[in-house]
């Protein structure tokens, strides 16, 4: 089973992937969000042959759903209608901060690798939470 992690940004989408054999999330790529974010993410899921999608939910530090999280939830609702696979949300608080500290190799730009790394961090925490259940 292949799971992809998605870190939605206003301009870029960070992508990470993991499979059930390894259980390790790895950064894959960062793509431009484009005009139709739902279609872009749906195409990523298709290209990655995803069985599940985990989308980072940008809650406020207090855990409240603010305007940014509401926008992501709207995208997630549309993805659930469009895709025939499970779409999860996962609290992504501090993943971009962790990604910035994590360094790692830079692909096209610092932001590019940070976005994909943030997607990998949120996907890994999602996978790890399943193991503890």
N, C-alpha and C. Protein backbone atom coordinates (compact mmCIF):
# COMPACT_ATOMS: atom_id res chain seq x y z
N UNK A 1 0.84 -1.18 0.00
CA UNK A 1 0.00 0.00 0.00
C UNK A 1 0.89 1.25 0.00
N UNK A 2 0.57 2.22 -0.82
CA UNK A 2 1.33 3.46 -0.93
C UNK A 2 0.50 4.61 -0.38
N UNK A 3 1.11 5.39 0.49
CA UNK A 3 0.47 6.55 1.09
C UNK A 3 1.27 7.78 0.69
N UNK A 4 0.58 8.84 0.29
CA UNK A 4 1.29 10.08 0.02
C UNK A 4 0.88 11.15 1.02
N UNK A 5 1.83 11.99 1.35
CA UNK A 5 1.59 13.12 2.23
C UNK A 5 1.62 14.39 1.40
N UNK A 6 0.70 15.29 1.68
CA UNK A 6 0.57 16.53 0.93
C UNK A 6 0.63 17.70 1.90
N UNK A 7 1.57 18.62 1.63
CA UNK A 7 1.66 19.86 2.39
C UNK A 7 1.20 20.97 1.45
N UNK A 8 -0.05 21.42 1.63
CA UNK A 8 -0.61 22.44 0.75
C UNK A 8 -0.14 23.82 1.15
N UNK A 9 0.41 24.53 0.20
CA UNK A 9 0.77 25.92 0.39
C UNK A 9 0.02 26.76 -0.60
N UNK A 10 0.11 28.07 -0.44
CA UNK A 10 -0.60 28.95 -1.38
C UNK A 10 -0.03 28.85 -2.79
N UNK A 11 1.29 28.67 -2.89
CA UNK A 11 1.93 28.60 -4.20
C UNK A 11 2.49 27.23 -4.55
N UNK A 12 2.89 26.48 -3.52
CA UNK A 12 3.54 25.20 -3.75
C UNK A 12 2.89 24.09 -2.94
N UNK A 13 3.05 22.86 -3.46
CA UNK A 13 2.54 21.68 -2.77
C UNK A 13 3.72 20.75 -2.54
N UNK A 14 4.00 20.46 -1.27
CA UNK A 14 5.05 19.51 -0.93
C UNK A 14 4.47 18.10 -0.98
N UNK A 15 5.24 17.18 -1.54
CA UNK A 15 4.77 15.80 -1.70
C UNK A 15 5.78 14.84 -1.06
N UNK A 16 5.25 13.89 -0.30
CA UNK A 16 6.07 12.82 0.29
C UNK A 16 5.34 11.51 0.06
N UNK A 17 6.07 10.42 0.21
CA UNK A 17 5.45 9.11 -0.01
C UNK A 17 6.03 8.08 0.94
N UNK A 18 5.25 7.05 1.20
CA UNK A 18 5.69 5.91 2.01
C UNK A 18 4.90 4.70 1.56
N UNK A 19 5.46 3.52 1.82
CA UNK A 19 4.68 2.31 1.56
C UNK A 19 4.66 1.47 2.82
N UNK A 20 3.75 0.49 2.84
CA UNK A 20 3.57 -0.28 4.07
C UNK A 20 4.73 -1.23 4.35
N UNK A 21 5.58 -1.48 3.37
CA UNK A 21 6.74 -2.35 3.63
C UNK A 21 7.77 -1.65 4.51
N UNK A 22 8.07 -0.40 4.18
CA UNK A 22 9.10 0.31 4.93
C UNK A 22 8.53 1.13 6.08
N UNK A 23 7.37 1.72 5.88
CA UNK A 23 6.78 2.58 6.89
C UNK A 23 7.58 3.86 7.11
N UNK A 24 8.41 4.22 6.12
CA UNK A 24 9.24 5.41 6.23
C UNK A 24 8.82 6.41 5.15
N UNK A 25 8.47 7.61 5.58
CA UNK A 25 8.08 8.66 4.65
C UNK A 25 9.32 9.35 4.10
N UNK A 26 9.32 9.58 2.80
CA UNK A 26 10.44 10.28 2.16
C UNK A 26 9.90 11.44 1.32
N UNK A 27 10.62 12.55 1.30
CA UNK A 27 10.22 13.66 0.44
C UNK A 27 10.30 13.22 -1.03
N UNK A 28 9.32 13.62 -1.83
CA UNK A 28 9.30 13.24 -3.24
C UNK A 28 9.56 14.44 -4.13
N UNK A 29 8.76 15.49 -3.97
CA UNK A 29 8.86 16.63 -4.88
C UNK A 29 8.08 17.79 -4.32
N UNK A 30 8.25 18.93 -4.95
CA UNK A 30 7.41 20.09 -4.70
C UNK A 30 6.91 20.56 -6.06
N UNK A 31 5.61 20.78 -6.16
CA UNK A 31 5.03 21.22 -7.42
C UNK A 31 4.30 22.54 -7.21
N UNK A 32 4.15 23.28 -8.29
CA UNK A 32 3.37 24.51 -8.23
C UNK A 32 1.91 24.15 -8.02
N UNK A 33 1.23 24.90 -7.18
CA UNK A 33 -0.17 24.61 -6.87
C UNK A 33 -1.07 24.79 -8.09
N UNK A 34 -0.78 25.78 -8.90
CA UNK A 34 -1.59 26.01 -10.09
C UNK A 34 -2.94 26.61 -9.74
N UNK A 35 -3.77 26.73 -10.75
CA UNK A 35 -5.09 27.34 -10.57
C UNK A 35 -6.11 26.39 -9.95
N UNK A 36 -5.93 25.08 -10.16
CA UNK A 36 -6.88 24.09 -9.66
C UNK A 36 -6.13 23.12 -8.73
N UNK A 37 -6.08 23.48 -7.45
CA UNK A 37 -5.34 22.69 -6.47
C UNK A 37 -5.89 21.28 -6.36
N UNK A 38 -7.19 21.13 -6.42
CA UNK A 38 -7.81 19.81 -6.31
C UNK A 38 -7.33 18.92 -7.45
N UNK A 39 -7.35 19.45 -8.66
CA UNK A 39 -6.90 18.67 -9.81
C UNK A 39 -5.41 18.35 -9.70
N UNK A 40 -4.62 19.31 -9.23
CA UNK A 40 -3.18 19.08 -9.08
C UNK A 40 -2.92 17.95 -8.10
N UNK A 41 -3.58 17.97 -6.94
CA UNK A 41 -3.39 16.91 -5.94
C UNK A 41 -3.92 15.58 -6.45
N UNK A 42 -5.05 15.60 -7.14
CA UNK A 42 -5.60 14.36 -7.70
C UNK A 42 -4.62 13.75 -8.70
N UNK A 43 -3.98 14.59 -9.50
CA UNK A 43 -3.00 14.10 -10.48
C UNK A 43 -1.77 13.54 -9.77
N UNK A 44 -1.35 14.19 -8.69
CA UNK A 44 -0.22 13.68 -7.90
C UNK A 44 -0.56 12.29 -7.36
N UNK A 45 -1.76 12.14 -6.81
CA UNK A 45 -2.18 10.85 -6.27
C UNK A 45 -2.17 9.78 -7.35
N UNK A 46 -2.63 10.13 -8.53
CA UNK A 46 -2.64 9.19 -9.66
C UNK A 46 -1.21 8.85 -10.08
N UNK A 47 -0.37 9.87 -10.25
CA UNK A 47 1.02 9.66 -10.67
C UNK A 47 1.79 8.81 -9.66
N UNK A 48 1.49 9.00 -8.38
CA UNK A 48 2.19 8.28 -7.31
C UNK A 48 1.56 6.92 -7.02
N UNK A 49 0.47 6.61 -7.70
CA UNK A 49 -0.27 5.35 -7.49
C UNK A 49 -0.65 5.19 -6.02
N UNK A 50 -1.17 6.27 -5.45
CA UNK A 50 -1.50 6.31 -4.03
C UNK A 50 -2.73 5.47 -3.70
N UNK A 51 -2.65 4.79 -2.56
CA UNK A 51 -3.80 4.08 -2.01
C UNK A 51 -4.51 4.92 -0.97
N UNK A 52 -3.78 5.88 -0.38
CA UNK A 52 -4.32 6.82 0.60
C UNK A 52 -3.57 8.13 0.45
N UNK A 53 -4.24 9.21 0.84
CA UNK A 53 -3.64 10.55 0.82
C UNK A 53 -3.80 11.14 2.22
N UNK A 54 -2.73 11.76 2.71
CA UNK A 54 -2.77 12.48 3.98
C UNK A 54 -2.45 13.94 3.69
N UNK A 55 -3.39 14.82 3.99
CA UNK A 55 -3.22 16.24 3.74
C UNK A 55 -3.00 16.95 5.07
N UNK A 56 -1.94 17.74 5.12
CA UNK A 56 -1.64 18.49 6.34
C UNK A 56 -2.70 19.54 6.61
N UNK A 57 -3.16 19.59 7.85
CA UNK A 57 -4.18 20.56 8.27
C UNK A 57 -3.51 21.62 9.14
N UNK A 58 -3.45 22.86 8.63
CA UNK A 58 -2.74 23.93 9.35
C UNK A 58 -3.58 24.56 10.47
N UNK A 59 -3.69 23.84 11.57
CA UNK A 59 -4.41 24.38 12.73
C UNK A 59 -3.59 25.48 13.36
N UNK A 60 -4.27 26.37 14.10
CA UNK A 60 -3.54 27.39 14.84
C UNK A 60 -2.82 26.72 16.01
N UNK A 61 -1.91 27.43 16.64
CA UNK A 61 -1.16 26.85 17.75
C UNK A 61 -2.08 26.40 18.88
N UNK A 62 -3.26 27.01 19.00
CA UNK A 62 -4.21 26.59 20.03
C UNK A 62 -5.02 25.37 19.60
N UNK A 63 -4.88 24.98 18.33
CA UNK A 63 -5.63 23.84 17.82
C UNK A 63 -6.92 24.25 17.12
N UNK A 64 -7.16 25.55 17.04
CA UNK A 64 -8.38 26.03 16.40
C UNK A 64 -8.27 25.98 14.88
N UNK A 65 -9.42 25.85 14.23
CA UNK A 65 -9.49 25.87 12.77
C UNK A 65 -9.67 27.32 12.34
N UNK A 66 -8.65 27.86 11.72
CA UNK A 66 -8.70 29.23 11.23
C UNK A 66 -8.99 29.27 9.74
N UNK A 67 -8.86 30.44 9.13
CA UNK A 67 -9.16 30.58 7.70
C UNK A 67 -8.30 29.68 6.80
N UNK A 68 -7.04 29.53 7.11
CA UNK A 68 -6.17 28.69 6.29
C UNK A 68 -6.61 27.22 6.37
N UNK A 69 -6.91 26.75 7.57
CA UNK A 69 -7.38 25.37 7.74
C UNK A 69 -8.73 25.16 7.07
N UNK A 70 -9.60 26.17 7.12
CA UNK A 70 -10.90 26.06 6.45
C UNK A 70 -10.71 25.87 4.95
N UNK A 71 -9.75 26.58 4.37
CA UNK A 71 -9.46 26.42 2.95
C UNK A 71 -8.97 25.02 2.63
N UNK A 72 -8.10 24.48 3.49
CA UNK A 72 -7.60 23.12 3.28
C UNK A 72 -8.74 22.11 3.41
N UNK A 73 -9.62 22.31 4.38
CA UNK A 73 -10.75 21.39 4.55
C UNK A 73 -11.68 21.39 3.33
N UNK A 74 -11.82 22.54 2.70
CA UNK A 74 -12.62 22.62 1.48
C UNK A 74 -11.96 21.79 0.38
N UNK A 75 -10.64 21.92 0.23
CA UNK A 75 -9.90 21.12 -0.76
C UNK A 75 -10.05 19.63 -0.46
N UNK A 76 -9.93 19.27 0.82
CA UNK A 76 -10.05 17.86 1.22
C UNK A 76 -11.44 17.32 0.88
N UNK A 77 -12.49 18.10 1.15
CA UNK A 77 -13.85 17.66 0.81
C UNK A 77 -13.98 17.40 -0.69
N UNK A 78 -13.40 18.28 -1.50
CA UNK A 78 -13.46 18.11 -2.95
C UNK A 78 -12.64 16.90 -3.39
N UNK A 79 -11.50 16.67 -2.75
CA UNK A 79 -10.68 15.50 -3.07
C UNK A 79 -11.43 14.21 -2.75
N UNK A 80 -12.12 14.20 -1.62
CA UNK A 80 -12.88 13.01 -1.22
C UNK A 80 -13.97 12.69 -2.24
N UNK A 81 -14.55 13.72 -2.85
CA UNK A 81 -15.56 13.51 -3.90
C UNK A 81 -14.91 13.03 -5.20
N UNK A 82 -13.72 13.52 -5.49
CA UNK A 82 -13.07 13.26 -6.77
C UNK A 82 -12.32 11.92 -6.80
N UNK A 83 -11.69 11.56 -5.68
CA UNK A 83 -10.84 10.37 -5.64
C UNK A 83 -11.60 9.16 -5.10
N UNK A 84 -11.18 8.01 -5.52
CA UNK A 84 -11.81 6.77 -5.02
C UNK A 84 -10.96 6.13 -3.91
N UNK A 85 -10.06 6.92 -3.32
CA UNK A 85 -9.22 6.45 -2.23
C UNK A 85 -9.47 7.30 -0.99
N UNK A 86 -9.02 6.82 0.15
CA UNK A 86 -9.22 7.54 1.41
C UNK A 86 -8.33 8.77 1.47
N UNK A 87 -8.92 9.88 1.89
CA UNK A 87 -8.18 11.13 2.09
C UNK A 87 -8.30 11.51 3.56
N UNK A 88 -7.16 11.55 4.24
CA UNK A 88 -7.11 11.91 5.66
C UNK A 88 -6.61 13.35 5.80
N UNK A 89 -6.90 13.95 6.95
CA UNK A 89 -6.22 15.19 7.33
C UNK A 89 -5.35 14.86 8.53
N UNK A 90 -4.28 15.64 8.69
CA UNK A 90 -3.38 15.43 9.81
C UNK A 90 -2.83 16.77 10.26
N UNK A 91 -2.83 16.98 11.56
CA UNK A 91 -2.33 18.21 12.16
C UNK A 91 -0.88 18.44 11.74
N UNK A 92 -0.65 19.53 11.06
CA UNK A 92 0.70 19.80 10.55
C UNK A 92 1.43 20.90 11.33
N UNK A 93 0.89 21.26 12.50
CA UNK A 93 1.55 22.33 13.27
C UNK A 93 3.02 22.02 13.45
N UNK A 94 3.83 22.99 13.17
CA UNK A 94 5.29 22.96 13.35
C UNK A 94 6.05 22.11 12.34
N UNK A 95 5.38 21.47 11.39
CA UNK A 95 6.13 20.65 10.43
C UNK A 95 7.04 21.51 9.56
N UNK A 96 6.59 22.71 9.15
CA UNK A 96 7.44 23.56 8.33
C UNK A 96 8.63 24.05 9.14
N UNK A 97 8.41 24.33 10.43
CA UNK A 97 9.52 24.73 11.29
C UNK A 97 10.52 23.58 11.41
N UNK A 98 10.02 22.36 11.66
CA UNK A 98 10.90 21.20 11.74
C UNK A 98 11.63 20.97 10.43
N UNK A 99 10.94 21.15 9.33
CA UNK A 99 11.56 20.96 8.01
C UNK A 99 12.67 21.97 7.79
N UNK A 100 12.45 23.20 8.24
CA UNK A 100 13.48 24.23 8.10
C UNK A 100 14.72 23.91 8.92
N UNK A 101 14.52 23.31 10.08
CA UNK A 101 15.65 22.92 10.93
C UNK A 101 16.32 21.66 10.42
N UNK A 102 15.52 20.79 9.78
CA UNK A 102 16.03 19.49 9.34
C UNK A 102 17.05 19.58 8.23
N UNK A 103 17.06 20.70 7.51
CA UNK A 103 18.03 20.85 6.44
C UNK A 103 17.77 19.87 5.33
N UNK A 104 18.65 18.90 5.20
CA UNK A 104 18.52 17.96 4.10
C UNK A 104 19.02 18.60 2.83
N UNK A 105 19.05 17.85 1.78
CA UNK A 105 19.53 18.38 0.51
C UNK A 105 18.54 19.37 -0.06
N UNK A 106 19.08 20.30 -0.79
CA UNK A 106 18.22 21.28 -1.46
C UNK A 106 18.09 20.87 -2.91
N UNK A 107 16.86 20.82 -3.38
CA UNK A 107 16.68 20.45 -4.76
C UNK A 107 16.72 21.70 -5.63
N UNK A 108 15.60 22.34 -5.86
CA UNK A 108 15.59 23.54 -6.70
C UNK A 108 15.75 24.82 -5.90
N UNK A 109 15.26 24.80 -4.68
CA UNK A 109 15.41 25.97 -3.81
C UNK A 109 15.19 25.52 -2.39
N UNK A 110 15.54 26.38 -1.44
CA UNK A 110 15.32 26.04 -0.04
C UNK A 110 13.86 25.77 0.25
N UNK A 111 12.97 26.58 -0.35
CA UNK A 111 11.54 26.39 -0.13
C UNK A 111 11.08 25.06 -0.71
N UNK A 112 11.61 24.70 -1.85
CA UNK A 112 11.21 23.45 -2.48
C UNK A 112 11.51 22.29 -1.57
N UNK A 113 12.70 22.22 -1.05
CA UNK A 113 13.01 21.08 -0.22
C UNK A 113 12.30 21.16 1.12
N UNK A 114 12.06 22.35 1.64
CA UNK A 114 11.31 22.49 2.89
C UNK A 114 9.88 21.99 2.74
N UNK A 115 9.23 22.30 1.63
CA UNK A 115 7.85 21.87 1.42
C UNK A 115 7.74 20.35 1.36
N UNK A 116 8.62 19.72 0.60
CA UNK A 116 8.60 18.25 0.50
C UNK A 116 8.98 17.61 1.83
N UNK A 117 9.94 18.21 2.54
CA UNK A 117 10.34 17.68 3.84
C UNK A 117 9.20 17.84 4.86
N UNK A 118 8.50 18.96 4.80
CA UNK A 118 7.34 19.16 5.69
C UNK A 118 6.28 18.09 5.41
N UNK A 119 6.06 17.76 4.13
CA UNK A 119 5.11 16.70 3.77
C UNK A 119 5.57 15.36 4.34
N UNK A 120 6.88 15.10 4.28
CA UNK A 120 7.41 13.84 4.81
C UNK A 120 7.25 13.77 6.33
N UNK A 121 7.46 14.88 7.01
CA UNK A 121 7.32 14.90 8.48
C UNK A 121 5.87 14.64 8.87
N UNK A 122 4.93 15.31 8.20
CA UNK A 122 3.52 15.08 8.57
C UNK A 122 3.10 13.66 8.23
N UNK A 123 3.57 13.13 7.11
CA UNK A 123 3.23 11.75 6.75
C UNK A 123 3.83 10.75 7.73
N UNK A 124 5.06 11.00 8.15
CA UNK A 124 5.70 10.08 9.11
C UNK A 124 4.97 10.08 10.44
N UNK A 125 4.54 11.25 10.91
CA UNK A 125 3.82 11.28 12.19
C UNK A 125 2.47 10.58 12.05
N UNK A 126 1.84 10.69 10.90
CA UNK A 126 0.58 9.97 10.64
C UNK A 126 0.83 8.46 10.69
N UNK A 127 1.85 8.00 10.00
CA UNK A 127 2.18 6.56 9.98
C UNK A 127 2.52 6.06 11.37
N UNK A 128 3.33 6.83 12.09
CA UNK A 128 3.72 6.43 13.46
C UNK A 128 2.51 6.35 14.38
N UNK A 129 1.53 7.22 14.20
CA UNK A 129 0.34 7.19 15.05
C UNK A 129 -0.47 5.92 14.81
N UNK A 130 -0.45 5.41 13.61
CA UNK A 130 -1.15 4.16 13.30
C UNK A 130 -0.49 2.97 13.98
N UNK A 131 0.82 3.01 14.10
CA UNK A 131 1.55 1.90 14.73
C UNK A 131 1.24 1.80 16.21
N UNK A 132 1.00 2.95 16.84
CA UNK A 132 0.77 2.96 18.29
C UNK A 132 -0.65 2.59 18.66
N UNK A 133 -1.50 2.41 17.67
CA UNK A 133 -2.91 2.09 17.95
C UNK A 133 -3.07 0.59 18.13
